[in-house]
Amino acid sequence: MDTYPGYVQEADGSFYTRTFVIWYCDEEIEINDLCNFQVEVEVDIDRDYMKTEFFVETELFFVDMSKLTAKGLND
């Protein structure tokens, strides 16, 4: 199974971790990918910028490998 390294999608600044395969239901994967985002503020901005909230959104994508392998076996 091919896996791919992590990357930043320039279009929207999204960060994607490396791909990985989970082989059984209770398996734990240690990702250890790091990403550093920088926020630039102008010098004359109000000091309340330190109170600005930032959010990190995460998503877990899933592919049912049994359907892929079953298709490959039937070819």
PDB file of N, CA and C in Angstrom:
ATOM      1  N   MET A   1       0.852  -1.180   0.000  1.00  0.00           N
ATOM      2  CA  MET A   1       0.000   0.000   0.000  1.00  0.00           C
ATOM      3  C   MET A   1       0.890   1.232   0.000  1.00  0.00           C
ATOM      4  N   ASP A   2       0.687   2.126  -0.979  1.00  0.00           N
ATOM      5  CA  ASP A   2       1.451   3.364  -1.054  1.00  0.00           C
ATOM      6  C   ASP A   2       0.900   4.366  -0.043  1.00  0.00           C
ATOM      7  N   THR A   3       1.799   5.047   0.635  1.00  0.00           N
ATOM      8  CA  THR A   3       1.406   6.142   1.512  1.00  0.00           C
ATOM      9  C   THR A   3       2.117   7.397   1.027  1.00  0.00           C
ATOM     10  N   TYR A   4       1.613   8.553   1.422  1.00  0.00           N
ATOM     11  CA  TYR A   4       2.143   9.810   0.928  1.00  0.00           C
ATOM     12  C   TYR A   4       2.548  10.697   2.094  1.00  0.00           C
ATOM     13  N   PRO A   5       3.579  11.523   1.919  1.00  0.00           N
ATOM     14  CA  PRO A   5       4.033  12.402   3.008  1.00  0.00           C
ATOM     15  C   PRO A   5       3.053  13.551   3.242  1.00  0.00           C
ATOM     16  N   GLY A   6       3.204  14.212   4.366  1.00  0.00           N
ATOM     17  CA  GLY A   6       2.377  15.375   4.659  1.00  0.00           C
ATOM     18  C   GLY A   6       2.720  16.537   3.743  1.00  0.00           C
ATOM     19  N   TYR A   7       1.789  17.465   3.592  1.00  0.00           N
ATOM     20  CA  TYR A   7       2.024  18.626   2.732  1.00  0.00           C
ATOM     21  C   TYR A   7       1.061  19.751   3.097  1.00  0.00           C
ATOM     22  N   VAL A   8       1.382  20.953   2.630  1.00  0.00           N
ATOM     23  CA  VAL A   8       0.510  22.115   2.792  1.00  0.00           C
ATOM     24  C   VAL A   8      -0.142  22.385   1.444  1.00  0.00           C
ATOM     25  N   GLN A   9      -1.452  22.512   1.447  1.00  0.00           N
ATOM     26  CA  GLN A   9      -2.177  22.856   0.226  1.00  0.00           C
ATOM     27  C   GLN A   9      -2.215  24.377   0.142  1.00  0.00           C
ATOM     28  N   GLU A  10      -1.470  24.919  -0.796  1.00  0.00           N
ATOM     29  CA  GLU A  10      -1.291  26.368  -0.904  1.00  0.00           C
ATOM     30  C   GLU A  10      -2.593  27.127  -1.142  1.00  0.00           C
ATOM     31  N   ALA A  11      -3.554  26.548  -1.854  1.00  0.00           N
ATOM     32  CA  ALA A  11      -4.799  27.247  -2.219  1.00  0.00           C
ATOM     33  C   ALA A  11      -5.541  27.786  -1.001  1.00  0.00           C
ATOM     34  N   ASP A  12      -5.616  26.991   0.071  1.00  0.00           N
ATOM     35  CA  ASP A  12      -6.352  27.445   1.253  1.00  0.00           C
ATOM     36  C   ASP A  12      -5.539  27.351   2.544  1.00  0.00           C
ATOM     37  N   GLY A  13      -4.259  27.016   2.444  1.00  0.00           N
ATOM     38  CA  GLY A  13      -3.405  26.955   3.619  1.00  0.00           C
ATOM     39  C   GLY A  13      -3.653  25.747   4.500  1.00  0.00           C
ATOM     40  N   SER A  14      -4.302  24.728   3.964  1.00  0.00           N
ATOM     41  CA  SER A  14      -4.575  23.511   4.734  1.00  0.00           C
ATOM     42  C   SER A  14      -3.317  22.667   4.862  1.00  0.00           C
ATOM     43  N   PHE A  15      -3.194  21.986   5.981  1.00  0.00           N
ATOM     44  CA  PHE A  15      -2.080  21.063   6.201  1.00  0.00           C
ATOM     45  C   PHE A  15      -2.625  19.640   6.242  1.00  0.00           C
ATOM     46  N   TYR A  16      -2.019  18.764   5.473  1.00  0.00           N
ATOM     47  CA  TYR A  16      -2.401  17.355   5.445  1.00  0.00           C
ATOM     48  C   TYR A  16      -1.261  16.527   6.014  1.00  0.00           C
ATOM     49  N   THR A  17      -1.569  15.649   6.961  1.00  0.00           N
ATOM     50  CA  THR A  17      -0.541  14.756   7.500  1.00  0.00           C
ATOM     51  C   THR A  17      -0.244  13.663   6.485  1.00  0.00           C
ATOM     52  N   ARG A  18       0.755  12.888   6.765  1.00  0.00           N
ATOM     53  CA  ARG A  18       1.059  11.751   5.900  1.00  0.00           C
ATOM     54  C   ARG A  18      -0.130  10.802   5.912  1.00  0.00           C
ATOM     55  N   THR A  19      -0.281  10.034   4.859  1.00  0.00           N
ATOM     56  CA  THR A  19      -1.352   9.036   4.841  1.00  0.00           C
ATOM     57  C   THR A  19      -0.879   7.811   5.615  1.00  0.00           C
ATOM     58  N   PHE A  20      -1.808   7.057   6.136  1.00  0.00           N
ATOM     59  CA  PHE A  20      -1.466   5.848   6.886  1.00  0.00           C
ATOM     60  C   PHE A  20      -2.607   4.853   6.769  1.00  0.00           C
ATOM     61  N   VAL A  21      -2.292   3.608   7.029  1.00  0.00           N
ATOM     62  CA  VAL A  21      -3.280   2.535   6.944  1.00  0.00           C
ATOM     63  C   VAL A  21      -3.475   1.949   8.330  1.00  0.00           C
ATOM     64  N   ILE A  22      -4.720   1.816   8.743  1.00  0.00           N
ATOM     65  CA  ILE A  22      -5.051   1.143   9.998  1.00  0.00           C
ATOM     66  C   ILE A  22      -5.563  -0.239   9.624  1.00  0.00           C
ATOM     67  N   TRP A  23      -4.879  -1.259  10.091  1.00  0.00           N
ATOM     68  CA  TRP A  23      -5.179  -2.626   9.679  1.00  0.00           C
ATOM     69  C   TRP A  23      -6.216  -3.316  10.547  1.00  0.00           C
ATOM     70  N   TYR A  24      -6.410  -2.862  11.788  1.00  0.00           N
ATOM     71  CA  TYR A  24      -7.413  -3.482  12.657  1.00  0.00           C
ATOM     72  C   TYR A  24      -8.058  -2.416  13.531  1.00  0.00           C
ATOM     73  N   CYS A  25      -9.206  -2.704  14.117  1.00  0.00           N
ATOM     74  CA  CYS A  25     -10.063  -1.691  14.744  1.00  0.00           C
ATOM     75  C   CYS A  25      -9.444  -0.973  15.940  1.00  0.00           C
ATOM     76  N   ASP A  26      -8.621  -1.600  16.739  1.00  0.00           N
ATOM     77  CA  ASP A  26      -8.065  -0.949  17.928  1.00  0.00           C
ATOM     78  C   ASP A  26      -6.634  -0.463  17.729  1.00  0.00           C
ATOM     79  N   GLU A  27      -6.187  -0.419  16.509  1.00  0.00           N
ATOM     80  CA  GLU A  27      -4.814   0.008  16.230  1.00  0.00           C
ATOM     81  C   GLU A  27      -4.647   1.496  16.502  1.00  0.00           C
ATOM     82  N   GLU A  28      -3.513   1.851  17.068  1.00  0.00           N
ATOM     83  CA  GLU A  28      -3.181   3.255  17.314  1.00  0.00           C
ATOM     84  C   GLU A  28      -2.030   3.654  16.409  1.00  0.00           C
ATOM     85  N   ILE A  29      -2.144   4.826  15.812  1.00  0.00           N
ATOM     86  CA  ILE A  29      -1.117   5.338  14.910  1.00  0.00           C
ATOM     87  C   ILE A  29      -0.547   6.618  15.515  1.00  0.00           C
ATOM     88  N   GLU A  30       0.757   6.692  15.628  1.00  0.00           N
ATOM     89  CA  GLU A  30       1.406   7.913  16.084  1.00  0.00           C
ATOM     90  C   GLU A  30       1.819   8.692  14.836  1.00  0.00           C
ATOM     91  N   ILE A  31       1.233   9.848  14.641  1.00  0.00           N
ATOM     92  CA  ILE A  31       1.452  10.597  13.404  1.00  0.00           C
ATOM     93  C   ILE A  31       2.749  11.405  13.459  1.00  0.00           C
ATOM     94  N   ASN A  32       2.961  12.178  14.495  1.00  0.00           N
ATOM     95  CA  ASN A  32       4.177  12.981  14.679  1.00  0.00           C
ATOM     96  C   ASN A  32       4.482  13.948  13.551  1.00  0.00           C
ATOM     97  N   ASP A  33       3.486  14.435  12.832  1.00  0.00           N
ATOM     98  CA  ASP A  33       3.683  15.479  11.829  1.00  0.00           C
ATOM     99  C   ASP A  33       3.486  16.824  12.510  1.00  0.00           C
ATOM    100  N   LEU A  34       4.338  17.768  12.198  1.00  0.00           N
ATOM    101  CA  LEU A  34       4.242  19.098  12.787  1.00  0.00           C
ATOM    102  C   LEU A  34       4.004  20.128  11.702  1.00  0.00           C
ATOM    103  N   CYS A  35       3.244  21.156  12.046  1.00  0.00           N
ATOM    104  CA  CYS A  35       3.004  22.254  11.127  1.00  0.00           C
ATOM    105  C   CYS A  35       2.995  23.546  11.938  1.00  0.00           C
ATOM    106  N   ASN A  36       3.669  24.547  11.440  1.00  0.00           N
ATOM    107  CA  ASN A  36       3.750  25.828  12.124  1.00  0.00           C
ATOM    108  C   ASN A  36       3.073  26.892  11.257  1.00  0.00           C
ATOM    109  N   PHE A  37       1.986  27.481  11.766  1.00  0.00           N
ATOM    110  CA  PHE A  37       1.295  28.546  11.053  1.00  0.00           C
ATOM    111  C   PHE A  37       1.682  29.878  11.670  1.00  0.00           C
ATOM    112  N   GLN A  38       1.798  30.890  10.848  1.00  0.00           N
ATOM    113  CA  GLN A  38       2.180  32.213  11.314  1.00  0.00           C
ATOM    114  C   GLN A  38       1.080  33.207  10.980  1.00  0.00           C
ATOM    115  N   VAL A  39       0.740  34.054  11.939  1.00  0.00           N
ATOM    116  CA  VAL A  39      -0.255  35.099  11.725  1.00  0.00           C
ATOM    117  C   VAL A  39       0.470  36.427  11.788  1.00  0.00           C
ATOM    118  N   GLU A  40       0.298  37.236  10.752  1.00  0.00           N
ATOM    119  CA  GLU A  40       0.946  38.540  10.718  1.00  0.00           C
ATOM    120  C   GLU A  40      -0.070  39.618  11.053  1.00  0.00           C
ATOM    121  N   VAL A  41       0.314  40.531  11.953  1.00  0.00           N
ATOM    122  CA  VAL A  41      -0.551  41.660  12.313  1.00  0.00           C
ATOM    123  C   VAL A  41       0.214  42.950  12.058  1.00  0.00           C
ATOM    124  N   GLU A  42      -0.516  44.002  11.716  1.00  0.00           N
ATOM    125  CA  GLU A  42       0.115  45.289  11.455  1.00  0.00           C
ATOM    126  C   GLU A  42       0.487  45.959  12.771  1.00  0.00           C
ATOM    127  N   VAL A  43       1.514  46.783  12.739  1.00  0.00           N
ATOM    128  CA  VAL A  43       2.042  47.423  13.943  1.00  0.00           C
ATOM    129  C   VAL A  43       1.013  48.325  14.613  1.00  0.00           C
ATOM    130  N   ASP A  44       0.219  49.045  13.852  1.00  0.00           N
ATOM    131  CA  ASP A  44      -0.720  50.005  14.436  1.00  0.00           C
ATOM    132  C   ASP A  44      -2.070  49.394  14.804  1.00  0.00           C
ATOM    133  N   ILE A  45      -2.122  48.086  14.910  1.00  0.00           N
ATOM    134  CA  ILE A  45      -3.376  47.415  15.259  1.00  0.00           C
ATOM    135  C   ILE A  45      -3.658  47.567  16.756  1.00  0.00           C
ATOM    136  N   ASP A  46      -4.887  47.510  17.120  1.00  0.00           N
ATOM    137  CA  ASP A  46      -5.310  47.617  18.512  1.00  0.00           C
ATOM    138  C   ASP A  46      -4.704  46.476  19.335  1.00  0.00           C
ATOM    139  N   ARG A  47      -4.358  46.721  20.560  1.00  0.00           N
ATOM    140  CA  ARG A  47      -3.738  45.713  21.430  1.00  0.00           C
ATOM    141  C   ARG A  47      -4.674  44.533  21.731  1.00  0.00           C
ATOM    142  N   ASP A  48      -5.950  44.665  21.444  1.00  0.00           N
ATOM    143  CA  ASP A  48      -6.894  43.577  21.696  1.00  0.00           C
ATOM    144  C   ASP A  48      -6.689  42.389  20.760  1.00  0.00           C
ATOM    145  N   TYR A  49      -5.778  42.513  19.793  1.00  0.00           N
ATOM    146  CA  TYR A  49      -5.536  41.386  18.898  1.00  0.00           C
ATOM    147  C   TYR A  49      -5.057  40.156  19.662  1.00  0.00           C
ATOM    148  N   MET A  50      -4.487  40.361  20.841  1.00  0.00           N
ATOM    149  CA  MET A  50      -4.026  39.223  21.662  1.00  0.00           C
ATOM    150  C   MET A  50      -5.210  38.411  22.184  1.00  0.00           C
ATOM    151  N   LYS A  51      -6.408  38.979  22.132  1.00  0.00           N
ATOM    152  CA  LYS A  51      -7.603  38.271  22.587  1.00  0.00           C
ATOM    153  C   LYS A  51      -8.309  37.541  21.444  1.00  0.00           C
ATOM    154  N   THR A  52      -7.738  37.647  20.247  1.00  0.00           N
ATOM    155  CA  THR A  52      -8.347  37.000  19.079  1.00  0.00           C
ATOM    156  C   THR A  52      -8.287  35.488  19.226  1.00  0.00           C
ATOM    157  N   GLU A  53      -9.397  34.828  18.936  1.00  0.00           N
ATOM    158  CA  GLU A  53      -9.444  33.371  19.017  1.00  0.00           C
ATOM    159  C   GLU A  53      -9.073  32.769  17.670  1.00  0.00           C
ATOM    160  N   PHE A  54      -8.282  31.713  17.714  1.00  0.00           N
ATOM    161  CA  PHE A  54      -7.928  30.969  16.523  1.00  0.00           C
ATOM    162  C   PHE A  54      -8.441  29.551  16.698  1.00  0.00           C
ATOM    163  N   PHE A  55      -8.897  28.953  15.612  1.00  0.00           N
ATOM    164  CA  PHE A  55      -9.458  27.616  15.670  1.00  0.00           C
ATOM    165  C   PHE A  55      -8.705  26.683  14.729  1.00  0.00           C
ATOM    166  N   VAL A  56      -8.567  25.460  15.149  1.00  0.00           N
ATOM    167  CA  VAL A  56      -7.984  24.422  14.312  1.00  0.00           C
ATOM    168  C   VAL A  56      -9.084  23.415  14.015  1.00  0.00           C
ATOM    169  N   GLU A  57      -9.322  23.172  12.748  1.00  0.00           N
ATOM    170  CA  GLU A  57     -10.329  22.215  12.332  1.00  0.00           C
ATOM    171  C   GLU A  57      -9.622  20.955  11.842  1.00  0.00           C
ATOM    172  N   THR A  58     -10.080  19.813  12.305  1.00  0.00           N
ATOM    173  CA  THR A  58      -9.482  18.554  11.870  1.00  0.00           C
ATOM    174  C   THR A  58     -10.548  17.660  11.251  1.00  0.00           C
ATOM    175  N   GLU A  59     -10.120  16.847  10.306  1.00  0.00           N
ATOM    176  CA  GLU A  59     -11.010  15.875   9.677  1.00  0.00           C
ATOM    177  C   GLU A  59     -10.230  14.576   9.504  1.00  0.00           C
ATOM    178  N   LEU A  60     -10.924  13.482   9.636  1.00  0.00           N
ATOM    179  CA  LEU A  60     -10.329  12.168   9.398  1.00  0.00           C
ATOM    180  C   LEU A  60     -11.018  11.578   8.184  1.00  0.00           C
ATOM    181  N   PHE A  61     -10.247  11.318   7.152  1.00  0.00           N
ATOM    182  CA  PHE A  61     -10.788  10.735   5.931  1.00  0.00           C
ATOM    183  C   PHE A  61     -10.669   9.228   6.008  1.00  0.00           C
ATOM    184  N   PHE A  62     -11.628   8.527   5.407  1.00  0.00           N
ATOM    185  CA  PHE A  62     -11.712   7.077   5.517  1.00  0.00           C
ATOM    186  C   PHE A  62     -11.930   6.466   4.138  1.00  0.00           C
ATOM    187  N   VAL A  63     -11.227   5.380   3.879  1.00  0.00           N
ATOM    188  CA  VAL A  63     -11.446   4.597   2.662  1.00  0.00           C
ATOM    189  C   VAL A  63     -11.634   3.152   3.095  1.00  0.00           C
ATOM    190  N   ASP A  64     -12.701   2.521   2.630  1.00  0.00           N
ATOM    191  CA  ASP A  64     -12.951   1.116   2.955  1.00  0.00           C
ATOM    192  C   ASP A  64     -12.047   0.251   2.081  1.00  0.00           C
ATOM    193  N   MET A  65     -10.948  -0.220   2.657  1.00  0.00           N
ATOM    194  CA  MET A  65      -9.943  -0.988   1.915  1.00  0.00           C
ATOM    195  C   MET A  65     -10.474  -2.345   1.465  1.00  0.00           C
ATOM    196  N   SER A  66     -11.463  -2.889   2.166  1.00  0.00           N
ATOM    197  CA  SER A  66     -11.970  -4.202   1.779  1.00  0.00           C
ATOM    198  C   SER A  66     -12.606  -4.149   0.393  1.00  0.00           C
ATOM    199  N   LYS A  67     -13.234  -3.029   0.068  1.00  0.00           N
ATOM    200  CA  LYS A  67     -13.829  -2.881  -1.257  1.00  0.00           C
ATOM    201  C   LYS A  67     -12.751  -2.754  -2.335  1.00  0.00           C
ATOM    202  N   LEU A  68     -11.648  -2.082  -1.993  1.00  0.00           N
ATOM    203  CA  LEU A  68     -10.556  -1.935  -2.956  1.00  0.00           C
ATOM    204  C   LEU A  68      -9.858  -3.271  -3.205  1.00  0.00           C
ATOM    205  N   THR A  69      -9.599  -4.020  -2.135  1.00  0.00           N
ATOM    206  CA  THR A  69      -8.896  -5.298  -2.288  1.00  0.00           C
ATOM    207  C   THR A  69      -9.793  -6.333  -2.932  1.00  0.00           C
ATOM    208  N   ALA A  70     -11.084  -6.317  -2.612  1.00  0.00           N
ATOM    209  CA  ALA A  70     -12.012  -7.268  -3.219  1.00  0.00           C
ATOM    210  C   ALA A  70     -12.110  -7.002  -4.728  1.00  0.00           C
ATOM    211  N   LYS A  71     -12.130  -5.738  -5.111  1.00  0.00           N
ATOM    212  CA  LYS A  71     -12.183  -5.402  -6.526  1.00  0.00           C
ATOM    213  C   LYS A  71     -10.926  -5.891  -7.223  1.00  0.00           C
ATOM    214  N   GLY A  72      -9.761  -5.704  -6.581  1.00  0.00           N
ATOM    215  CA  GLY A  72      -8.495  -6.150  -7.174  1.00  0.00           C
ATOM    216  C   GLY A  72      -8.424  -7.658  -7.321  1.00  0.00           C
ATOM    217  N   LEU A  73      -9.030  -8.415  -6.413  1.00  0.00           N
ATOM    218  CA  LEU A  73      -9.003  -9.872  -6.477  1.00  0.00           C
ATOM    219  C   LEU A  73      -9.916 -10.408  -7.558  1.00  0.00           C
ATOM    220  N   ASN A  74     -10.989  -9.667  -7.856  1.00  0.00           N
ATOM    221  CA  ASN A  74     -11.953 -10.145  -8.846  1.00  0.00           C
ATOM    222  C   ASN A  74     -11.537  -9.829 -10.282  1.00  0.00           C
ATOM    223  N   ASP A  75     -10.542  -8.975 -10.470  1.00  0.00           N
ATOM    224  CA  ASP A  75     -10.109  -8.606 -11.839  1.00  0.00           C
ATOM    225  C   ASP A  75      -9.384  -9.729 -12.520  1.00  0.00           C
TER     226      ASP A  75
END
